[in-house]
Amino acid sequence: MSRDHKIAQPESVYLDILNAMSNFAGIVDREYRLTFANRAVMESCGYSADDVVGKVFWETPWFNRSKKSQEIVRDSVKKVLSGEVERVQTEVSAFKKDGTEFPTIFNASPLRKNGEIIAVVVEGKPISEQKMLERKLKDTIEKLKAAQEELMTPVVQIWDKILALPVIGVVDSYRAQKITETLLKRIAKTQAEFVIIDITGVSSMDTEVANNLLKTVKAASLLGCTCIITGIRPEIAQTMTHIGIKLDIITRRDLYNGLMFCLESMGYVIKERQDQV
């Protein structure tokens, strides 16, 4: 506590309780000055009592390196002291004496005597470990999402200048969009001349998805790549016929025939193997 600022301390029982807390805990008076802070947390942050006690709370070294944190703490304390709110809980950045920043959940609640608010009890819980776990969880989710999308759009190179995209399962508008994005990137990267889109594993296809498939074929052609659709089921052929795209695409019965078409278009001569006797 500064020598020229005398502050009336609340009952010692409050101080004993606050001192026993493992997280930061303190008391801010009606002049917004910190009258008490538990010793253990001050020491863990490298501060002495003279560094913090007796100062306007949001101007203490815990917060004075961040204008945003100062504003949040100031507004929270003022709202609780005025009785505008009963409790404030928010996240702020706090700082150790060496400048190390650590995210903190900040709480402010009123301290009453005879029904009158005489001070504010402030608490701070460091959440650096929690934030680290959140980042790891977010990174893991992003990796799983990327892996899932890769499985949704497994573009593989089966021959020089020839890509294949086997599509299996339900194809909704989102997946159709991802197929287009992934395929166009692979075409640009590999400079492929042909892409075989095999939909043998697709049991049904609505009009929107069929239109997306047509857009994919057209987009690929703008990159100088020819698309061949293979494995079309009768019900899917019916859907495609209804929207008039049957004549706009090259189709083959299955992946084998699609590959033969690509190889022959590239000038390869396909001969059946004759085993020697």
C-alpha atoms as a PDB file:
ATOM      1  CA  MET A   1       0.000   0.000   0.000  1.00  0.00           C
ATOM      2  CA  SER A   2       1.306   3.473  -0.786  1.00  0.00           C
ATOM      3  CA  ARG A   3       2.209   5.483   2.318  1.00  0.00           C
ATOM      4  CA  ASP A   4       0.118   8.532   1.405  1.00  0.00           C
ATOM      5  CA  HIS A   5      -3.079   6.630   0.666  1.00  0.00           C
ATOM      6  CA  LYS A   6      -4.821   5.176   3.700  1.00  0.00           C
ATOM      7  CA  ILE A   7      -7.602   2.782   2.964  1.00  0.00           C
ATOM      8  CA  ALA A   8     -10.126   1.321   5.363  1.00  0.00           C
ATOM      9  CA  GLN A   9      -9.750  -2.428   5.203  1.00  0.00           C
ATOM     10  CA  PRO A  10     -12.829  -4.677   5.312  1.00  0.00           C
ATOM     11  CA  GLU A  11     -13.201  -7.326   7.999  1.00  0.00           C
ATOM     12  CA  SER A  12     -10.174  -9.546   8.281  1.00  0.00           C
ATOM     13  CA  VAL A  13     -12.248 -12.653   7.574  1.00  0.00           C
ATOM     14  CA  TYR A  14     -12.698 -11.459   3.982  1.00  0.00           C
ATOM     15  CA  LEU A  15      -8.978 -10.989   3.640  1.00  0.00           C
ATOM     16  CA  ASP A  16      -8.246 -14.449   5.032  1.00  0.00           C
ATOM     17  CA  ILE A  17     -10.616 -15.980   2.482  1.00  0.00           C
ATOM     18  CA  LEU A  18      -9.147 -14.022  -0.412  1.00  0.00           C
ATOM     19  CA  ASN A  19      -5.607 -14.818   0.664  1.00  0.00           C
ATOM     20  CA  ALA A  20      -6.440 -18.524   0.638  1.00  0.00           C
ATOM     21  CA  MET A  21      -7.543 -18.414  -3.004  1.00  0.00           C
ATOM     22  CA  SER A  22      -5.190 -19.820  -5.618  1.00  0.00           C
ATOM     23  CA  ASN A  23      -6.399 -17.394  -8.301  1.00  0.00           C
ATOM     24  CA  PHE A  24      -5.949 -13.652  -8.191  1.00  0.00           C
ATOM     25  CA  ALA A  25      -8.360 -11.944  -5.772  1.00  0.00           C
ATOM     26  CA  GLY A  26      -8.531  -8.379  -4.584  1.00  0.00           C
ATOM     27  CA  ILE A  27     -10.749  -5.590  -3.311  1.00  0.00           C
ATOM     28  CA  VAL A  28     -11.352  -2.289  -5.103  1.00  0.00           C
ATOM     29  CA  ASP A  29     -12.821   0.618  -3.100  1.00  0.00           C
ATOM     30  CA  ARG A  30     -15.267   3.269  -4.233  1.00  0.00           C
ATOM     31  CA  GLU A  31     -12.394   5.415  -5.474  1.00  0.00           C
ATOM     32  CA  TYR A  32     -11.457   2.560  -7.816  1.00  0.00           C
ATOM     33  CA  ARG A  33      -8.239   1.853  -5.942  1.00  0.00           C
ATOM     34  CA  LEU A  34      -7.002  -1.628  -5.189  1.00  0.00           C
ATOM     35  CA  THR A  35      -6.969  -1.890  -1.403  1.00  0.00           C
ATOM     36  CA  PHE A  36      -5.995  -5.537  -1.171  1.00  0.00           C
ATOM     37  CA  ALA A  37      -4.541  -8.294  -3.360  1.00  0.00           C
ATOM     38  CA  ASN A  38      -3.742 -11.823  -2.259  1.00  0.00           C
ATOM     39  CA  ARG A  39      -0.010 -12.298  -1.835  1.00  0.00           C
ATOM     40  CA  ALA A  40       0.490 -15.628  -3.606  1.00  0.00           C
ATOM     41  CA  VAL A  41      -0.737 -14.370  -6.963  1.00  0.00           C
ATOM     42  CA  MET A  42       1.151 -11.080  -6.677  1.00  0.00           C
ATOM     43  CA  GLU A  43       4.343 -13.030  -6.110  1.00  0.00           C
ATOM     44  CA  SER A  44       3.621 -15.456  -8.965  1.00  0.00           C
ATOM     45  CA  CYS A  45       3.356 -12.469 -11.291  1.00  0.00           C
ATOM     46  CA  GLY A  46       6.489 -10.884  -9.860  1.00  0.00           C
ATOM     47  CA  TYR A  47       4.793  -7.893  -8.230  1.00  0.00           C
ATOM     48  CA  SER A  48       5.139  -6.522  -4.730  1.00  0.00           C
ATOM     49  CA  ALA A  49       2.360  -4.801  -2.787  1.00  0.00           C
ATOM     50  CA  ASP A  50       3.859  -1.410  -3.624  1.00  0.00           C
ATOM     51  CA  ASP A  51       3.513  -2.203  -7.336  1.00  0.00           C
ATOM     52  CA  VAL A  52      -0.248  -2.624  -7.215  1.00  0.00           C
ATOM     53  CA  VAL A  53      -1.953  -1.791  -3.899  1.00  0.00           C
ATOM     54  CA  GLY A  54      -3.257   1.754  -3.597  1.00  0.00           C
ATOM     55  CA  LYS A  55      -3.332   2.323  -7.363  1.00  0.00           C
ATOM     56  CA  VAL A  56      -6.424   2.732  -9.539  1.00  0.00           C
ATOM     57  CA  PHE A  57      -7.137  -0.878 -10.342  1.00  0.00           C
ATOM     58  CA  TRP A  58      -7.110  -0.733 -14.152  1.00  0.00           C
ATOM     59  CA  GLU A  59      -3.904   1.333 -14.077  1.00  0.00           C
ATOM     60  CA  THR A  60      -1.958  -1.365 -12.224  1.00  0.00           C
ATOM     61  CA  PRO A  61       0.819  -3.184 -14.116  1.00  0.00           C
ATOM     62  CA  TRP A  62      -1.509  -6.144 -14.614  1.00  0.00           C
ATOM     63  CA  PHE A  63      -3.427  -4.199 -17.261  1.00  0.00           C
ATOM     64  CA  ASN A  64      -1.553  -1.022 -18.232  1.00  0.00           C
ATOM     65  CA  ARG A  65       0.132  -2.675 -21.228  1.00  0.00           C
ATOM     66  CA  SER A  66      -3.244  -3.187 -22.933  1.00  0.00           C
ATOM     67  CA  LYS A  67      -5.617  -0.287 -23.527  1.00  0.00           C
ATOM     68  CA  LYS A  68      -8.414  -2.697 -24.405  1.00  0.00           C
ATOM     69  CA  SER A  69      -8.019  -4.628 -21.142  1.00  0.00           C
ATOM     70  CA  GLN A  70      -7.930  -1.369 -19.189  1.00  0.00           C
ATOM     71  CA  GLU A  71     -11.211  -0.271 -20.750  1.00  0.00           C
ATOM     72  CA  ILE A  72     -12.885  -3.605 -20.050  1.00  0.00           C
ATOM     73  CA  VAL A  73     -11.751  -3.677 -16.395  1.00  0.00           C
ATOM     74  CA  ARG A  74     -12.661  -0.016 -15.851  1.00  0.00           C
ATOM     75  CA  ASP A  75     -16.171  -0.413 -17.272  1.00  0.00           C
ATOM     76  CA  SER A  76     -16.742  -3.628 -15.308  1.00  0.00           C
ATOM     77  CA  VAL A  77     -15.700  -2.130 -11.959  1.00  0.00           C
ATOM     78  CA  LYS A  78     -17.756   1.024 -12.486  1.00  0.00           C
ATOM     79  CA  LYS A  79     -20.882  -0.904 -13.435  1.00  0.00           C
ATOM     80  CA  VAL A  80     -20.642  -3.110 -10.332  1.00  0.00           C
ATOM     81  CA  LEU A  81     -19.923  -0.182  -7.971  1.00  0.00           C
ATOM     82  CA  SER A  82     -22.888   1.767  -9.343  1.00  0.00           C
ATOM     83  CA  GLY A  83     -25.194  -1.194  -8.896  1.00  0.00           C
ATOM     84  CA  GLU A  84     -25.916  -1.270 -12.622  1.00  0.00           C
ATOM     85  CA  VAL A  85     -25.031  -4.961 -12.740  1.00  0.00           C
ATOM     86  CA  GLU A  86     -24.685  -7.569 -10.019  1.00  0.00           C
ATOM     87  CA  ARG A  87     -21.744  -9.383 -11.561  1.00  0.00           C
ATOM     88  CA  VAL A  88     -19.420  -9.097 -14.538  1.00  0.00           C
ATOM     89  CA  GLN A  89     -17.443 -11.917 -16.084  1.00  0.00           C
ATOM     90  CA  THR A  90     -15.273 -11.300 -19.110  1.00  0.00           C
ATOM     91  CA  GLU A  91     -11.946 -12.200 -20.689  1.00  0.00           C
ATOM     92  CA  VAL A  92      -8.999  -9.812 -20.565  1.00  0.00           C
ATOM     93  CA  SER A  93      -5.262  -9.870 -21.099  1.00  0.00           C
ATOM     94  CA  ALA A  94      -3.123  -9.526 -17.980  1.00  0.00           C
ATOM     95  CA  PHE A  95       0.644  -9.163 -17.699  1.00  0.00           C
ATOM     96  CA  LYS A  96       3.379 -10.361 -15.397  1.00  0.00           C
ATOM     97  CA  LYS A  97       6.116  -7.991 -14.301  1.00  0.00           C
ATOM     98  CA  ASP A  98       8.462  -9.367 -16.972  1.00  0.00           C
ATOM     99  CA  GLY A  99       5.902  -8.481 -19.649  1.00  0.00           C
ATOM    100  CA  THR A 100       4.557 -11.988 -20.205  1.00  0.00           C
ATOM    101  CA  GLU A 101       0.943 -11.783 -21.328  1.00  0.00           C
ATOM    102  CA  PHE A 102      -1.604 -14.318 -20.126  1.00  0.00           C
ATOM    103  CA  PRO A 103      -5.339 -14.506 -20.893  1.00  0.00           C
ATOM    104  CA  THR A 104      -7.528 -14.249 -17.807  1.00  0.00           C
ATOM    105  CA  ILE A 105     -11.189 -14.665 -16.955  1.00  0.00           C
ATOM    106  CA  PHE A 106     -11.974 -11.522 -14.967  1.00  0.00           C
ATOM    107  CA  ASN A 107     -14.839 -11.400 -12.462  1.00  0.00           C
ATOM    108  CA  ALA A 108     -16.180  -8.416 -10.545  1.00  0.00           C
ATOM    109  CA  SER A 109     -18.931  -8.585  -7.915  1.00  0.00           C
ATOM    110  CA  PRO A 110     -20.127  -6.189  -5.186  1.00  0.00           C
ATOM    111  CA  LEU A 111     -19.044  -6.288  -1.544  1.00  0.00           C
ATOM    112  CA  ARG A 112     -21.907  -5.039   0.595  1.00  0.00           C
ATOM    113  CA  LYS A 113     -22.232  -3.843   4.182  1.00  0.00           C
ATOM    114  CA  ASN A 114     -25.683  -3.209   5.636  1.00  0.00           C
ATOM    115  CA  GLY A 115     -27.073  -3.497   2.102  1.00  0.00           C
ATOM    116  CA  GLU A 116     -24.779  -0.807   0.703  1.00  0.00           C
ATOM    117  CA  ILE A 117     -22.070  -1.486  -1.868  1.00  0.00           C
ATOM    118  CA  ILE A 118     -18.796  -0.516  -0.217  1.00  0.00           C
ATOM    119  CA  ALA A 119     -16.332  -2.106  -2.600  1.00  0.00           C
ATOM    120  CA  VAL A 120     -15.867  -4.545  -5.474  1.00  0.00           C
ATOM    121  CA  VAL A 121     -14.373  -8.002  -5.156  1.00  0.00           C
ATOM    122  CA  VAL A 122     -12.266  -8.693  -8.238  1.00  0.00           C
ATOM    123  CA  GLU A 123     -11.018 -12.106  -9.297  1.00  0.00           C
ATOM    124  CA  GLY A 124      -8.830 -13.358 -12.102  1.00  0.00           C
ATOM    125  CA  LYS A 125      -8.379 -16.898 -13.333  1.00  0.00           C
ATOM    126  CA  PRO A 126      -5.511 -17.501 -15.792  1.00  0.00           C
ATOM    127  CA  ILE A 127      -6.666 -19.589 -18.746  1.00  0.00           C
ATOM    128  CA  SER A 128      -3.420 -19.985 -20.718  1.00  0.00           C
ATOM    129  CA  GLU A 129      -3.627 -23.780 -20.507  1.00  0.00           C
ATOM    130  CA  GLN A 130      -7.281 -23.744 -21.499  1.00  0.00           C
ATOM    131  CA  LYS A 131      -6.487 -21.515 -24.477  1.00  0.00           C
ATOM    132  CA  MET A 132      -3.698 -23.871 -25.520  1.00  0.00           C
ATOM    133  CA  LEU A 133      -6.077 -26.829 -25.369  1.00  0.00           C
ATOM    134  CA  GLU A 134      -8.660 -24.877 -27.363  1.00  0.00           C
ATOM    135  CA  ARG A 135      -6.070 -24.152 -30.050  1.00  0.00           C
ATOM    136  CA  LYS A 136      -5.038 -27.812 -30.173  1.00  0.00           C
ATOM    137  CA  LEU A 137      -8.688 -28.869 -30.398  1.00  0.00           C
ATOM    138  CA  LYS A 138      -9.317 -26.343 -33.169  1.00  0.00           C
ATOM    139  CA  ASP A 139      -6.237 -27.546 -35.073  1.00  0.00           C
ATOM    140  CA  THR A 140      -7.366 -31.168 -34.674  1.00  0.00           C
ATOM    141  CA  ILE A 141     -10.858 -30.334 -35.928  1.00  0.00           C
ATOM    142  CA  GLU A 142      -9.396 -28.498 -38.923  1.00  0.00           C
ATOM    143  CA  LYS A 143      -7.173 -31.485 -39.749  1.00  0.00           C
ATOM    144  CA  LEU A 144     -10.118 -33.891 -39.447  1.00  0.00           C
ATOM    145  CA  LYS A 145     -12.215 -31.613 -41.616  1.00  0.00           C
ATOM    146  CA  ALA A 146      -9.468 -31.456 -44.226  1.00  0.00           C
ATOM    147  CA  ALA A 147      -9.109 -35.248 -44.142  1.00  0.00           C
ATOM    148  CA  GLN A 148     -12.864 -35.668 -44.485  1.00  0.00           C
ATOM    149  CA  GLU A 149     -12.992 -33.304 -47.449  1.00  0.00           C
ATOM    150  CA  GLU A 150     -10.090 -35.135 -49.047  1.00  0.00           C
ATOM    151  CA  LEU A 151     -12.026 -38.401 -48.695  1.00  0.00           C
ATOM    152  CA  MET A 152     -15.066 -36.643 -50.149  1.00  0.00           C
ATOM    153  CA  THR A 153     -13.065 -35.672 -53.231  1.00  0.00           C
ATOM    154  CA  PRO A 154     -10.338 -38.329 -53.799  1.00  0.00           C
ATOM    155  CA  VAL A 155      -8.705 -37.105 -56.995  1.00  0.00           C
ATOM    156  CA  VAL A 156      -5.974 -39.521 -58.086  1.00  0.00           C
ATOM    157  CA  GLN A 157      -3.577 -39.536 -61.032  1.00  0.00           C
ATOM    158  CA  ILE A 158      -3.890 -42.859 -62.845  1.00  0.00           C
ATOM    159  CA  TRP A 159      -1.795 -42.048 -65.916  1.00  0.00           C
ATOM    160  CA  ASP A 160       0.325 -39.248 -67.254  1.00  0.00           C
ATOM    161  CA  LYS A 161      -2.087 -36.345 -67.920  1.00  0.00           C
ATOM    162  CA  ILE A 162      -5.062 -38.450 -66.745  1.00  0.00           C
ATOM    163  CA  LEU A 163      -6.882 -37.937 -63.422  1.00  0.00           C
ATOM    164  CA  ALA A 164      -9.665 -40.016 -61.931  1.00  0.00           C
ATOM    165  CA  LEU A 165     -12.286 -38.949 -59.416  1.00  0.00           C
ATOM    166  CA  PRO A 166     -14.334 -41.843 -58.006  1.00  0.00           C
ATOM    167  CA  VAL A 167     -17.441 -40.459 -56.327  1.00  0.00           C
ATOM    168  CA  ILE A 168     -19.104 -42.697 -53.757  1.00  0.00           C
ATOM    169  CA  GLY A 169     -22.159 -42.112 -51.581  1.00  0.00           C
ATOM    170  CA  VAL A 170     -24.543 -39.188 -51.322  1.00  0.00           C
ATOM    171  CA  VAL A 171     -23.662 -36.070 -53.278  1.00  0.00           C
ATOM    172  CA  ASP A 172     -25.307 -32.948 -51.912  1.00  0.00           C
ATOM    173  CA  SER A 173     -24.748 -29.377 -53.104  1.00  0.00           C
ATOM    174  CA  TYR A 174     -21.915 -28.782 -50.600  1.00  0.00           C
ATOM    175  CA  ARG A 175     -20.025 -31.891 -51.653  1.00  0.00           C
ATOM    176  CA  ALA A 176     -20.612 -31.106 -55.318  1.00  0.00           C
ATOM    177  CA  GLN A 177     -19.043 -27.691 -54.755  1.00  0.00           C
ATOM    178  CA  LYS A 178     -16.021 -29.212 -52.976  1.00  0.00           C
ATOM    179  CA  ILE A 179     -15.610 -31.707 -55.827  1.00  0.00           C
ATOM    180  CA  THR A 180     -15.468 -28.846 -58.310  1.00  0.00           C
ATOM    181  CA  GLU A 181     -12.981 -26.812 -56.247  1.00  0.00           C
ATOM    182  CA  THR A 182     -10.662 -29.749 -55.567  1.00  0.00           C
ATOM    183  CA  LEU A 183     -10.763 -31.075 -59.106  1.00  0.00           C
ATOM    184  CA  LEU A 184      -9.987 -27.726 -60.723  1.00  0.00           C
ATOM    185  CA  LYS A 185      -7.017 -27.206 -58.392  1.00  0.00           C
ATOM    186  CA  ARG A 186      -5.616 -30.653 -59.263  1.00  0.00           C
ATOM    187  CA  ILE A 187      -6.113 -30.032 -62.990  1.00  0.00           C
ATOM    188  CA  ALA A 188      -4.198 -26.756 -62.753  1.00  0.00           C
ATOM    189  CA  LYS A 189      -1.451 -28.357 -60.651  1.00  0.00           C
ATOM    190  CA  THR A 190      -0.928 -31.479 -62.790  1.00  0.00           C
ATOM    191  CA  GLN A 191      -1.783 -29.929 -66.187  1.00  0.00           C
ATOM    192  CA  ALA A 192      -4.052 -32.907 -66.780  1.00  0.00           C
ATOM    193  CA  GLU A 193      -5.668 -33.310 -70.190  1.00  0.00           C
ATOM    194  CA  PHE A 194      -8.363 -35.792 -69.135  1.00  0.00           C
ATOM    195  CA  VAL A 195     -10.429 -36.398 -66.019  1.00  0.00           C
ATOM    196  CA  ILE A 196     -12.553 -39.483 -65.494  1.00  0.00           C
ATOM    197  CA  ILE A 197     -15.395 -38.813 -63.059  1.00  0.00           C
ATOM    198  CA  ASP A 198     -16.717 -42.208 -62.046  1.00  0.00           C
ATOM    199  CA  ILE A 199     -20.132 -42.102 -60.357  1.00  0.00           C
ATOM    200  CA  THR A 200     -20.735 -45.838 -60.126  1.00  0.00           C
ATOM    201  CA  GLY A 201     -21.051 -45.486 -56.339  1.00  0.00           C
ATOM    202  CA  VAL A 202     -23.650 -42.717 -56.509  1.00  0.00           C
ATOM    203  CA  SER A 203     -27.132 -44.144 -56.125  1.00  0.00           C
ATOM    204  CA  SER A 204     -29.098 -40.945 -56.722  1.00  0.00           C
ATOM    205  CA  MET A 205     -28.570 -37.416 -57.981  1.00  0.00           C
ATOM    206  CA  ASP A 206     -30.978 -34.489 -57.885  1.00  0.00           C
ATOM    207  CA  THR A 207     -31.276 -31.733 -60.461  1.00  0.00           C
ATOM    208  CA  GLU A 208     -29.082 -29.281 -58.534  1.00  0.00           C
ATOM    209  CA  VAL A 209     -26.226 -31.758 -58.201  1.00  0.00           C
ATOM    210  CA  ALA A 210     -26.534 -32.767 -61.858  1.00  0.00           C
ATOM    211  CA  ASN A 211     -26.267 -29.104 -62.834  1.00  0.00           C
ATOM    212  CA  ASN A 212     -23.192 -28.744 -60.615  1.00  0.00           C
ATOM    213  CA  LEU A 213     -21.663 -31.733 -62.392  1.00  0.00           C
ATOM    214  CA  LEU A 214     -22.243 -30.030 -65.728  1.00  0.00           C
ATOM    215  CA  LYS A 215     -20.623 -26.824 -64.421  1.00  0.00           C
ATOM    216  CA  THR A 216     -17.618 -28.864 -63.294  1.00  0.00           C
ATOM    217  CA  VAL A 217     -17.255 -30.344 -66.781  1.00  0.00           C
ATOM    218  CA  LYS A 218     -17.457 -26.890 -68.369  1.00  0.00           C
ATOM    219  CA  ALA A 219     -15.008 -25.361 -65.878  1.00  0.00           C
ATOM    220  CA  ALA A 220     -12.526 -28.169 -66.558  1.00  0.00           C
ATOM    221  CA  SER A 221     -12.824 -27.587 -70.300  1.00  0.00           C
ATOM    222  CA  LEU A 222     -11.861 -23.948 -69.782  1.00  0.00           C
ATOM    223  CA  LEU A 223      -8.616 -25.270 -68.285  1.00  0.00           C
ATOM    224  CA  GLY A 224      -8.025 -27.365 -71.399  1.00  0.00           C
ATOM    225  CA  CYS A 225      -9.126 -30.612 -69.755  1.00  0.00           C
ATOM    226  CA  THR A 226     -11.710 -33.065 -71.084  1.00  0.00           C
ATOM    227  CA  CYS A 227     -14.068 -34.762 -68.622  1.00  0.00           C
ATOM    228  CA  ILE A 228     -15.444 -38.255 -69.119  1.00  0.00           C
ATOM    229  CA  ILE A 229     -18.335 -39.383 -66.924  1.00  0.00           C
ATOM    230  CA  THR A 230     -18.466 -43.121 -66.235  1.00  0.00           C
ATOM    231  CA  GLY A 231     -20.720 -45.468 -64.296  1.00  0.00           C
ATOM    232  CA  ILE A 232     -23.995 -43.600 -64.820  1.00  0.00           C
ATOM    233  CA  ARG A 233     -26.934 -45.516 -63.362  1.00  0.00           C
ATOM    234  CA  PRO A 234     -30.274 -45.614 -65.233  1.00  0.00           C
ATOM    235  CA  GLU A 235     -32.037 -43.395 -62.672  1.00  0.00           C
ATOM    236  CA  ILE A 236     -29.234 -40.831 -62.829  1.00  0.00           C
ATOM    237  CA  ALA A 237     -29.307 -40.921 -66.626  1.00  0.00           C
ATOM    238  CA  GLN A 238     -33.002 -40.116 -66.407  1.00  0.00           C
ATOM    239  CA  THR A 239     -32.343 -37.094 -64.184  1.00  0.00           C
ATOM    240  CA  MET A 240     -29.612 -35.842 -66.496  1.00  0.00           C
ATOM    241  CA  THR A 241     -31.845 -36.293 -69.540  1.00  0.00           C
ATOM    242  CA  HIS A 242     -34.624 -34.275 -67.896  1.00  0.00           C
ATOM    243  CA  ILE A 243     -32.345 -31.240 -67.591  1.00  0.00           C
ATOM    244  CA  GLY A 244     -30.921 -31.670 -71.084  1.00  0.00           C
ATOM    245  CA  ILE A 245     -27.242 -32.330 -70.386  1.00  0.00           C
ATOM    246  CA  LYS A 246     -26.928 -35.782 -71.940  1.00  0.00           C
ATOM    247  CA  LEU A 247     -25.425 -34.476 -75.172  1.00  0.00           C
ATOM    248  CA  ASP A 248     -23.055 -32.008 -73.510  1.00  0.00           C
ATOM    249  CA  ILE A 249     -20.759 -34.536 -71.893  1.00  0.00           C
ATOM    250  CA  ILE A 250     -18.654 -37.541 -72.866  1.00  0.00           C
ATOM    251  CA  THR A 251     -19.774 -40.735 -71.149  1.00  0.00           C
ATOM    252  CA  ARG A 252     -18.525 -44.284 -71.011  1.00  0.00           C
ATOM    253  CA  ARG A 253     -19.974 -47.363 -69.419  1.00  0.00           C
ATOM    254  CA  ASP A 254     -17.346 -47.825 -66.728  1.00  0.00           C
ATOM    255  CA  LEU A 255     -13.927 -46.664 -65.517  1.00  0.00           C
ATOM    256  CA  TYR A 256     -12.105 -49.162 -67.745  1.00  0.00           C
ATOM    257  CA  ASN A 257     -13.789 -47.898 -70.896  1.00  0.00           C
ATOM    258  CA  GLY A 258     -13.249 -44.325 -69.760  1.00  0.00           C
ATOM    259  CA  LEU A 259      -9.508 -44.961 -69.440  1.00  0.00           C
ATOM    260  CA  MET A 260      -9.409 -46.628 -72.858  1.00  0.00           C
ATOM    261  CA  PHE A 261     -11.043 -43.546 -74.381  1.00  0.00           C
ATOM    262  CA  CYS A 262      -8.445 -41.261 -72.782  1.00  0.00           C
ATOM    263  CA  LEU A 263      -5.493 -43.378 -73.894  1.00  0.00           C
ATOM    264  CA  GLU A 264      -6.758 -43.690 -77.451  1.00  0.00           C
ATOM    265  CA  SER A 265      -7.407 -39.924 -77.563  1.00  0.00           C
ATOM    266  CA  MET A 266      -3.763 -39.404 -76.549  1.00  0.00           C
ATOM    267  CA  GLY A 267      -2.567 -41.595 -79.430  1.00  0.00           C
ATOM    268  CA  TYR A 268      -1.931 -44.851 -77.592  1.00  0.00           C
ATOM    269  CA  VAL A 269      -2.723 -48.066 -79.455  1.00  0.00           C
ATOM    270  CA  ILE A 270      -4.437 -50.569 -77.205  1.00  0.00           C
ATOM    271  CA  LYS A 271      -3.829 -54.202 -78.059  1.00  0.00           C
ATOM    272  CA  GLU A 272      -5.057 -57.272 -76.280  1.00  0.00           C
ATOM    273  CA  ARG A 273      -2.277 -59.351 -74.806  1.00  0.00           C
ATOM    274  CA  GLN A 274      -1.638 -62.695 -76.514  1.00  0.00           C
ATOM    275  CA  ASP A 275      -0.019 -65.146 -74.145  1.00  0.00           C
ATOM    276  CA  GLN A 276       2.696 -67.199 -75.692  1.00  0.00           C
ATOM    277  CA  VAL A 277       2.150 -70.948 -75.684  1.00  0.00           C
END
